[in-house]
Amino acid sequence: MVRLLGKPSFVRLITLVLLAVSGLAWSDAGIKWSPISTNQAHSVMVYADLNQISREASIVRIRLLFDNLGADAEGRRSYVTLREYHCSRGLTRTLEERFYAGQMGLGSQVSAQASPDCEIRADTDPESTACAAPWSPVRPRTVGYDVFKAVCQLQTT
């Protein structure tokens, strides 16, 4: 079962509280990561860079950090991704991903992949081929779906 941060595990809650009280912030190259979702079944926490979120109509572009408790077969423990979410159509696409050996986007970079830069205004139509990164449906009952819901509810300033 997927749980949003409103009801995290006791250990995660205590960790987040201690970090907040001590004034520490998860950061990497000036990014302040804010927790937005957790999935205990998959042992993953998802953080967002709320200072760099942009919205054009119903499309949200945001940098996310997926932090896993354990490494996968390729030695990847976390990854930072730049994604777009088409909130009104339930679609997402990945523009960039960087995978790291350590938690919270730290440690050596294991691999990376990127799509050619896609301008948010140039490709609001999912049928358009102006951007090389394809749109794909967000699958219900997944970590990605909970992240989609959280991101689409965020307000931009």
N, C-alpha and C. Protein backbone atom coordinates (compact mmCIF):
# COMPACT_ATOMS: atom_id res chain seq x y z
N MET A 1 0.84 -1.18 0.00
CA MET A 1 0.00 0.00 0.00
C MET A 1 0.89 1.25 0.00
N VAL A 2 0.55 2.21 -0.80
CA VAL A 2 1.31 3.44 -0.92
C VAL A 2 0.78 4.44 0.10
N ARG A 3 1.70 5.13 0.78
CA ARG A 3 1.29 6.10 1.78
C ARG A 3 1.97 7.43 1.49
N LEU A 4 1.23 8.50 1.54
CA LEU A 4 1.82 9.82 1.41
C LEU A 4 2.46 10.20 2.73
N LEU A 5 3.25 11.26 2.71
CA LEU A 5 4.00 11.63 3.89
C LEU A 5 3.14 12.00 5.09
N GLY A 6 1.87 12.14 4.90
CA GLY A 6 1.00 12.42 6.03
C GLY A 6 1.02 11.30 7.05
N LYS A 7 1.38 10.09 6.64
CA LYS A 7 1.41 8.95 7.54
C LYS A 7 2.67 8.12 7.28
N PRO A 8 3.89 8.67 7.50
CA PRO A 8 5.10 7.90 7.25
C PRO A 8 5.36 6.93 8.38
N SER A 9 6.32 6.05 8.18
CA SER A 9 6.70 5.14 9.23
C SER A 9 7.26 5.94 10.40
N PHE A 10 7.25 5.37 11.56
CA PHE A 10 7.71 6.06 12.76
C PHE A 10 9.17 6.49 12.63
N VAL A 11 10.01 5.61 12.10
CA VAL A 11 11.44 5.92 11.96
C VAL A 11 11.64 7.09 11.00
N ARG A 12 10.97 7.06 9.86
CA ARG A 12 11.09 8.17 8.90
C ARG A 12 10.58 9.47 9.51
N LEU A 13 9.48 9.40 10.24
CA LEU A 13 8.92 10.59 10.86
C LEU A 13 9.91 11.19 11.85
N ILE A 14 10.49 10.37 12.70
CA ILE A 14 11.47 10.85 13.68
C ILE A 14 12.66 11.47 12.96
N THR A 15 13.14 10.83 11.89
CA THR A 15 14.27 11.36 11.12
C THR A 15 13.93 12.73 10.55
N LEU A 16 12.77 12.88 9.93
CA LEU A 16 12.36 14.15 9.36
C LEU A 16 12.22 15.23 10.44
N VAL A 17 11.68 14.87 11.59
CA VAL A 17 11.51 15.83 12.68
C VAL A 17 12.87 16.27 13.19
N LEU A 18 13.79 15.33 13.40
CA LEU A 18 15.13 15.68 13.88
C LEU A 18 15.86 16.58 12.90
N LEU A 19 15.73 16.31 11.61
CA LEU A 19 16.36 17.17 10.62
C LEU A 19 15.77 18.57 10.64
N ALA A 20 14.45 18.66 10.76
CA ALA A 20 13.81 19.97 10.78
C ALA A 20 14.21 20.76 12.02
N VAL A 21 14.23 20.09 13.18
CA VAL A 21 14.57 20.76 14.42
C VAL A 21 16.03 21.20 14.44
N SER A 22 16.91 20.40 13.86
CA SER A 22 18.33 20.72 13.89
C SER A 22 18.70 21.75 12.84
N GLY A 23 17.75 22.12 11.96
CA GLY A 23 18.03 23.12 10.95
C GLY A 23 18.75 22.57 9.73
N LEU A 24 18.93 21.28 9.66
CA LEU A 24 19.59 20.68 8.51
C LEU A 24 18.60 20.52 7.38
N ALA A 25 19.08 20.60 6.16
CA ALA A 25 18.22 20.40 5.00
C ALA A 25 18.94 19.48 4.03
N TRP A 26 18.20 18.58 3.40
CA TRP A 26 18.79 17.77 2.36
C TRP A 26 19.12 18.71 1.21
N SER A 27 20.36 18.73 0.80
CA SER A 27 20.70 19.61 -0.31
C SER A 27 21.82 19.01 -1.14
N ASP A 28 21.81 19.34 -2.39
CA ASP A 28 22.83 18.91 -3.33
C ASP A 28 22.97 20.03 -4.34
N ALA A 29 24.12 20.67 -4.38
CA ALA A 29 24.37 21.77 -5.30
C ALA A 29 23.31 22.87 -5.19
N GLY A 30 22.96 23.23 -3.98
CA GLY A 30 22.01 24.31 -3.78
C GLY A 30 20.56 23.90 -3.80
N ILE A 31 20.28 22.65 -4.01
CA ILE A 31 18.89 22.19 -4.04
C ILE A 31 18.46 21.83 -2.62
N LYS A 32 17.32 22.33 -2.22
CA LYS A 32 16.73 21.95 -0.94
C LYS A 32 15.62 20.96 -1.23
N TRP A 33 15.82 19.72 -0.85
CA TRP A 33 14.85 18.67 -1.13
C TRP A 33 13.77 18.66 -0.07
N SER A 34 12.52 18.66 -0.51
CA SER A 34 11.36 18.59 0.38
C SER A 34 10.65 17.25 0.15
N PRO A 35 10.39 16.49 1.21
CA PRO A 35 9.72 15.20 1.04
C PRO A 35 8.28 15.39 0.55
N ILE A 36 7.88 14.58 -0.45
CA ILE A 36 6.50 14.68 -0.94
C ILE A 36 5.78 13.34 -0.93
N SER A 37 6.50 12.22 -0.89
CA SER A 37 5.83 10.92 -0.94
C SER A 37 6.74 9.83 -0.40
N THR A 38 6.14 8.77 0.09
CA THR A 38 6.90 7.61 0.54
C THR A 38 6.12 6.35 0.19
N ASN A 39 6.84 5.28 -0.04
CA ASN A 39 6.21 3.99 -0.29
C ASN A 39 6.98 2.95 0.49
N GLN A 40 6.39 2.50 1.60
CA GLN A 40 7.07 1.54 2.46
C GLN A 40 7.25 0.18 1.79
N ALA A 41 6.31 -0.22 0.96
CA ALA A 41 6.41 -1.52 0.30
C ALA A 41 7.62 -1.59 -0.62
N HIS A 42 7.96 -0.47 -1.25
CA HIS A 42 9.10 -0.42 -2.15
C HIS A 42 10.31 0.26 -1.52
N SER A 43 10.22 0.63 -0.25
CA SER A 43 11.31 1.27 0.50
C SER A 43 11.89 2.46 -0.24
N VAL A 44 11.02 3.36 -0.65
CA VAL A 44 11.46 4.55 -1.38
C VAL A 44 10.82 5.81 -0.80
N MET A 45 11.63 6.86 -0.70
CA MET A 45 11.16 8.19 -0.33
C MET A 45 11.34 9.07 -1.55
N VAL A 46 10.39 9.96 -1.80
CA VAL A 46 10.48 10.86 -2.95
C VAL A 46 10.51 12.30 -2.44
N TYR A 47 11.47 13.05 -2.96
CA TYR A 47 11.67 14.44 -2.58
C TYR A 47 11.54 15.31 -3.83
N ALA A 48 11.17 16.58 -3.63
CA ALA A 48 11.03 17.52 -4.75
C ALA A 48 11.83 18.79 -4.47
N ASP A 49 12.33 19.38 -5.53
CA ASP A 49 12.96 20.69 -5.45
C ASP A 49 11.85 21.72 -5.69
N LEU A 50 11.24 22.19 -4.62
CA LEU A 50 10.09 23.08 -4.73
C LEU A 50 10.48 24.49 -5.15
N ASN A 51 11.77 24.81 -5.12
CA ASN A 51 12.22 26.13 -5.55
C ASN A 51 12.34 26.25 -7.06
N GLN A 52 12.33 25.14 -7.78
CA GLN A 52 12.52 25.16 -9.23
C GLN A 52 11.34 24.58 -9.98
N ILE A 53 10.18 24.55 -9.38
CA ILE A 53 8.99 24.00 -10.05
C ILE A 53 8.44 25.06 -11.01
N SER A 54 7.99 24.61 -12.18
CA SER A 54 7.36 25.54 -13.12
C SER A 54 6.07 24.91 -13.64
N ARG A 55 5.13 25.78 -13.96
CA ARG A 55 3.83 25.32 -14.45
C ARG A 55 3.44 26.18 -15.64
N GLU A 56 3.00 25.52 -16.69
CA GLU A 56 2.45 26.19 -17.86
C GLU A 56 1.15 25.47 -18.19
N ALA A 57 0.04 26.14 -17.97
CA ALA A 57 -1.29 25.53 -18.12
C ALA A 57 -1.35 24.32 -17.18
N SER A 58 -1.60 23.13 -17.69
CA SER A 58 -1.71 21.96 -16.81
C SER A 58 -0.45 21.11 -16.81
N ILE A 59 0.66 21.65 -17.32
CA ILE A 59 1.93 20.90 -17.33
C ILE A 59 2.85 21.45 -16.25
N VAL A 60 3.34 20.53 -15.42
CA VAL A 60 4.25 20.89 -14.35
C VAL A 60 5.62 20.26 -14.65
N ARG A 61 6.67 21.07 -14.57
CA ARG A 61 8.05 20.59 -14.73
C ARG A 61 8.71 20.70 -13.36
N ILE A 62 9.30 19.57 -12.89
CA ILE A 62 9.85 19.54 -11.54
C ILE A 62 11.03 18.57 -11.47
N ARG A 63 12.00 18.90 -10.60
CA ARG A 63 13.13 18.01 -10.34
C ARG A 63 12.80 17.20 -9.09
N LEU A 64 12.93 15.89 -9.20
CA LEU A 64 12.61 14.97 -8.11
C LEU A 64 13.82 14.14 -7.74
N LEU A 65 13.84 13.68 -6.49
CA LEU A 65 14.87 12.76 -6.01
C LEU A 65 14.17 11.53 -5.46
N PHE A 66 14.46 10.37 -6.03
CA PHE A 66 13.94 9.10 -5.53
C PHE A 66 15.06 8.44 -4.73
N ASP A 67 14.83 8.22 -3.44
CA ASP A 67 15.84 7.69 -2.53
C ASP A 67 15.41 6.32 -2.03
N ASN A 68 16.16 5.29 -2.42
CA ASN A 68 15.85 3.91 -2.06
C ASN A 68 16.66 3.49 -0.84
N LEU A 69 16.10 2.62 -0.02
CA LEU A 69 16.84 2.13 1.14
C LEU A 69 17.97 1.20 0.74
N GLY A 70 17.81 0.48 -0.35
CA GLY A 70 18.85 -0.43 -0.81
C GLY A 70 19.19 -0.18 -2.27
N ALA A 71 20.32 -0.70 -2.70
CA ALA A 71 20.76 -0.53 -4.08
C ALA A 71 20.12 -1.58 -4.98
N ASP A 72 19.95 -1.25 -6.26
CA ASP A 72 19.44 -2.23 -7.21
C ASP A 72 20.62 -3.05 -7.75
N ALA A 73 20.36 -3.92 -8.71
CA ALA A 73 21.38 -4.82 -9.25
C ALA A 73 22.54 -4.07 -9.90
N GLU A 74 22.30 -2.84 -10.34
CA GLU A 74 23.34 -2.04 -10.98
C GLU A 74 24.05 -1.11 -10.00
N GLY A 75 23.75 -1.25 -8.71
CA GLY A 75 24.41 -0.44 -7.70
C GLY A 75 23.82 0.95 -7.52
N ARG A 76 22.62 1.17 -8.03
CA ARG A 76 21.99 2.49 -7.94
C ARG A 76 21.11 2.54 -6.69
N ARG A 77 21.38 3.55 -5.86
CA ARG A 77 20.61 3.71 -4.64
C ARG A 77 19.65 4.87 -4.66
N SER A 78 19.92 5.84 -5.51
CA SER A 78 19.04 7.00 -5.63
C SER A 78 19.17 7.58 -7.03
N TYR A 79 18.18 8.37 -7.41
CA TYR A 79 18.31 9.07 -8.68
C TYR A 79 17.58 10.40 -8.64
N VAL A 80 18.14 11.35 -9.39
CA VAL A 80 17.58 12.68 -9.54
C VAL A 80 17.03 12.75 -10.95
N THR A 81 15.81 13.22 -11.09
CA THR A 81 15.16 13.23 -12.39
C THR A 81 14.44 14.55 -12.63
N LEU A 82 14.46 15.00 -13.86
CA LEU A 82 13.67 16.15 -14.28
C LEU A 82 12.50 15.60 -15.06
N ARG A 83 11.30 15.87 -14.57
CA ARG A 83 10.10 15.30 -15.19
C ARG A 83 9.07 16.38 -15.47
N GLU A 84 8.19 16.04 -16.40
CA GLU A 84 7.02 16.84 -16.66
C GLU A 84 5.79 15.98 -16.43
N TYR A 85 4.78 16.60 -15.84
CA TYR A 85 3.51 15.94 -15.61
C TYR A 85 2.42 16.74 -16.29
N HIS A 86 1.62 16.07 -17.11
CA HIS A 86 0.46 16.70 -17.75
C HIS A 86 -0.72 16.37 -16.84
N CYS A 87 -1.01 17.29 -15.93
CA CYS A 87 -1.96 17.02 -14.86
C CYS A 87 -3.38 16.76 -15.34
N SER A 88 -3.83 17.43 -16.38
CA SER A 88 -5.20 17.23 -16.83
C SER A 88 -5.39 15.95 -17.64
N ARG A 89 -4.30 15.40 -18.18
CA ARG A 89 -4.41 14.19 -19.00
C ARG A 89 -3.80 12.95 -18.35
N GLY A 90 -3.22 13.09 -17.15
CA GLY A 90 -2.66 11.93 -16.45
C GLY A 90 -1.44 11.34 -17.14
N LEU A 91 -0.57 12.21 -17.65
CA LEU A 91 0.61 11.76 -18.39
C LEU A 91 1.88 12.27 -17.74
N THR A 92 2.99 11.60 -18.02
CA THR A 92 4.29 12.03 -17.53
C THR A 92 5.36 11.72 -18.57
N ARG A 93 6.47 12.44 -18.47
CA ARG A 93 7.64 12.12 -19.30
C ARG A 93 8.89 12.55 -18.55
N THR A 94 9.95 11.79 -18.80
CA THR A 94 11.23 12.04 -18.16
C THR A 94 12.14 12.76 -19.14
N LEU A 95 12.67 13.90 -18.69
CA LEU A 95 13.57 14.68 -19.53
C LEU A 95 15.03 14.38 -19.22
N GLU A 96 15.30 13.98 -17.98
CA GLU A 96 16.68 13.73 -17.56
C GLU A 96 16.67 12.86 -16.31
N GLU A 97 17.65 11.96 -16.20
CA GLU A 97 17.83 11.15 -14.99
C GLU A 97 19.31 10.94 -14.74
N ARG A 98 19.70 11.05 -13.46
CA ARG A 98 21.07 10.74 -13.04
C ARG A 98 20.98 9.78 -11.86
N PHE A 99 21.64 8.65 -11.97
CA PHE A 99 21.59 7.60 -10.95
C PHE A 99 22.87 7.63 -10.12
N TYR A 100 22.73 7.46 -8.80
CA TYR A 100 23.85 7.56 -7.87
C TYR A 100 23.99 6.30 -7.01
N ALA A 101 25.22 6.03 -6.60
CA ALA A 101 25.50 4.87 -5.75
C ALA A 101 25.07 5.13 -4.31
N GLY A 102 25.04 6.38 -3.88
CA GLY A 102 24.67 6.72 -2.51
C GLY A 102 23.24 7.21 -2.40
N GLN A 103 22.80 7.33 -1.17
CA GLN A 103 21.46 7.85 -0.92
C GLN A 103 21.44 9.36 -1.12
N MET A 104 20.26 9.91 -1.35
CA MET A 104 20.01 11.33 -1.47
C MET A 104 20.81 11.98 -2.60
N GLY A 105 21.05 11.24 -3.69
CA GLY A 105 21.76 11.79 -4.84
C GLY A 105 23.23 12.05 -4.58
N LEU A 106 23.78 11.33 -3.62
CA LEU A 106 25.19 11.50 -3.29
C LEU A 106 25.98 10.26 -3.72
N GLY A 107 27.28 10.32 -3.59
CA GLY A 107 28.12 9.21 -4.01
C GLY A 107 28.43 9.34 -5.49
N SER A 108 29.07 8.32 -6.02
CA SER A 108 29.46 8.38 -7.43
C SER A 108 28.22 8.24 -8.33
N GLN A 109 28.28 8.93 -9.47
CA GLN A 109 27.21 8.82 -10.46
C GLN A 109 27.41 7.51 -11.21
N VAL A 110 26.39 6.66 -11.18
CA VAL A 110 26.46 5.34 -11.79
C VAL A 110 26.11 5.40 -13.27
N SER A 111 25.09 6.17 -13.61
CA SER A 111 24.67 6.30 -15.01
C SER A 111 23.80 7.54 -15.14
N ALA A 112 23.55 7.92 -16.39
CA ALA A 112 22.70 9.08 -16.66
C ALA A 112 22.07 8.92 -18.04
N GLN A 113 20.94 9.56 -18.21
CA GLN A 113 20.28 9.60 -19.52
C GLN A 113 19.49 10.90 -19.61
N ALA A 114 19.41 11.44 -20.82
CA ALA A 114 18.70 12.70 -21.01
C ALA A 114 18.06 12.72 -22.38
N SER A 115 16.94 13.40 -22.47
CA SER A 115 16.28 13.67 -23.75
C SER A 115 16.70 15.06 -24.18
N PRO A 116 16.69 15.32 -25.48
CA PRO A 116 16.99 16.68 -25.91
C PRO A 116 16.07 17.66 -25.20
N ASP A 117 16.59 18.84 -24.92
CA ASP A 117 15.83 19.84 -24.17
C ASP A 117 14.47 20.08 -24.79
N CYS A 118 13.45 19.98 -23.98
CA CYS A 118 12.07 20.18 -24.43
C CYS A 118 11.56 21.46 -23.79
N GLU A 119 11.15 22.39 -24.59
CA GLU A 119 10.58 23.62 -24.06
C GLU A 119 9.16 23.33 -23.60
N ILE A 120 8.83 23.77 -22.41
CA ILE A 120 7.52 23.46 -21.84
C ILE A 120 6.39 24.06 -22.68
N ARG A 121 6.57 25.22 -23.27
CA ARG A 121 5.52 25.84 -24.06
C ARG A 121 5.39 25.23 -25.45
N ALA A 122 6.45 24.62 -25.94
CA ALA A 122 6.45 24.11 -27.31
C ALA A 122 5.74 22.78 -27.46
N ASP A 123 5.46 22.11 -26.35
CA ASP A 123 4.93 20.76 -26.47
C ASP A 123 3.89 20.45 -25.40
N THR A 124 2.81 21.20 -25.40
CA THR A 124 1.74 20.91 -24.44
C THR A 124 0.77 19.87 -24.96
N ASP A 125 0.88 19.53 -26.22
CA ASP A 125 0.01 18.52 -26.82
C ASP A 125 0.70 17.16 -26.77
N PRO A 126 0.12 16.18 -26.07
CA PRO A 126 0.74 14.86 -25.99
C PRO A 126 0.95 14.18 -27.34
N GLU A 127 0.24 14.62 -28.37
CA GLU A 127 0.39 14.03 -29.70
C GLU A 127 1.54 14.67 -30.48
N SER A 128 2.08 15.76 -29.98
CA SER A 128 3.14 16.48 -30.67
C SER A 128 4.44 15.68 -30.66
N THR A 129 5.24 15.85 -31.70
CA THR A 129 6.55 15.20 -31.77
C THR A 129 7.67 16.22 -31.63
N ALA A 130 7.37 17.43 -31.13
CA ALA A 130 8.37 18.48 -30.99
C ALA A 130 9.43 18.13 -29.95
N CYS A 131 9.11 17.27 -29.03
CA CYS A 131 10.04 16.87 -27.98
C CYS A 131 10.33 15.38 -28.12
N ALA A 132 11.60 15.00 -27.96
CA ALA A 132 11.97 13.60 -28.12
C ALA A 132 11.50 12.72 -26.96
N ALA A 133 11.24 13.31 -25.81
CA ALA A 133 10.79 12.52 -24.66
C ALA A 133 9.31 12.20 -24.81
N PRO A 134 8.96 10.95 -24.90
CA PRO A 134 7.54 10.59 -25.11
C PRO A 134 6.72 10.72 -23.82
N TRP A 135 5.47 11.09 -23.96
CA TRP A 135 4.53 11.10 -22.85
C TRP A 135 4.06 9.67 -22.64
N SER A 136 3.85 9.29 -21.38
CA SER A 136 3.27 7.98 -21.09
C SER A 136 2.26 8.13 -19.96
N PRO A 137 1.26 7.25 -19.94
CA PRO A 137 0.23 7.35 -18.90
C PRO A 137 0.81 7.03 -17.52
N VAL A 138 0.30 7.71 -16.51
CA VAL A 138 0.68 7.41 -15.13
C VAL A 138 -0.18 6.24 -14.67
N ARG A 139 0.46 5.17 -14.23
CA ARG A 139 -0.28 3.97 -13.82
C ARG A 139 -0.80 4.11 -12.39
N PRO A 140 -2.09 3.85 -12.18
CA PRO A 140 -2.65 3.92 -10.82
C PRO A 140 -2.01 2.88 -9.89
N ARG A 141 -2.11 3.16 -8.61
CA ARG A 141 -1.61 2.28 -7.55
C ARG A 141 -0.11 2.01 -7.67
N THR A 142 0.66 3.05 -8.03
CA THR A 142 2.12 2.94 -8.10
C THR A 142 2.73 4.14 -7.36
N VAL A 143 4.02 4.05 -7.09
CA VAL A 143 4.73 5.18 -6.51
C VAL A 143 4.59 6.38 -7.45
N GLY A 144 4.74 6.14 -8.74
CA GLY A 144 4.62 7.21 -9.73
C GLY A 144 3.28 7.92 -9.70
N TYR A 145 2.22 7.17 -9.42
CA TYR A 145 0.89 7.78 -9.35
C TYR A 145 0.78 8.71 -8.15
N ASP A 146 1.31 8.28 -7.01
CA ASP A 146 1.27 9.13 -5.82
C ASP A 146 2.11 10.38 -6.01
N VAL A 147 3.25 10.25 -6.69
CA VAL A 147 4.07 11.42 -6.99
C VAL A 147 3.32 12.35 -7.94
N PHE A 148 2.68 11.79 -8.97
CA PHE A 148 1.86 12.57 -9.91
C PHE A 148 0.81 13.39 -9.16
N LYS A 149 0.08 12.74 -8.26
CA LYS A 149 -0.96 13.43 -7.50
C LYS A 149 -0.37 14.55 -6.65
N ALA A 150 0.73 14.27 -5.98
CA ALA A 150 1.36 15.29 -5.12
C ALA A 150 1.87 16.47 -5.94
N VAL A 151 2.53 16.18 -7.05
CA VAL A 151 3.09 17.24 -7.90
C VAL A 151 1.98 18.11 -8.50
N CYS A 152 0.93 17.50 -8.96
CA CYS A 152 -0.15 18.27 -9.59
C CYS A 152 -0.93 19.12 -8.59
N GLN A 153 -0.83 18.82 -7.31
CA GLN A 153 -1.48 19.62 -6.29
C GLN A 153 -0.61 20.77 -5.80
N LEU A 154 0.68 20.78 -6.16
CA LEU A 154 1.58 21.83 -5.72
C LEU A 154 1.22 23.16 -6.38
N GLN A 155 1.38 24.22 -5.63
CA GLN A 155 1.15 25.56 -6.14
C GLN A 155 2.50 26.18 -6.49
N THR A 156 2.58 26.87 -7.59
CA THR A 156 3.82 27.57 -7.95
C THR A 156 3.68 29.03 -7.58
N THR A 157 4.82 29.66 -7.35
CA THR A 157 4.79 31.09 -6.99
C THR A 157 5.26 31.94 -8.13
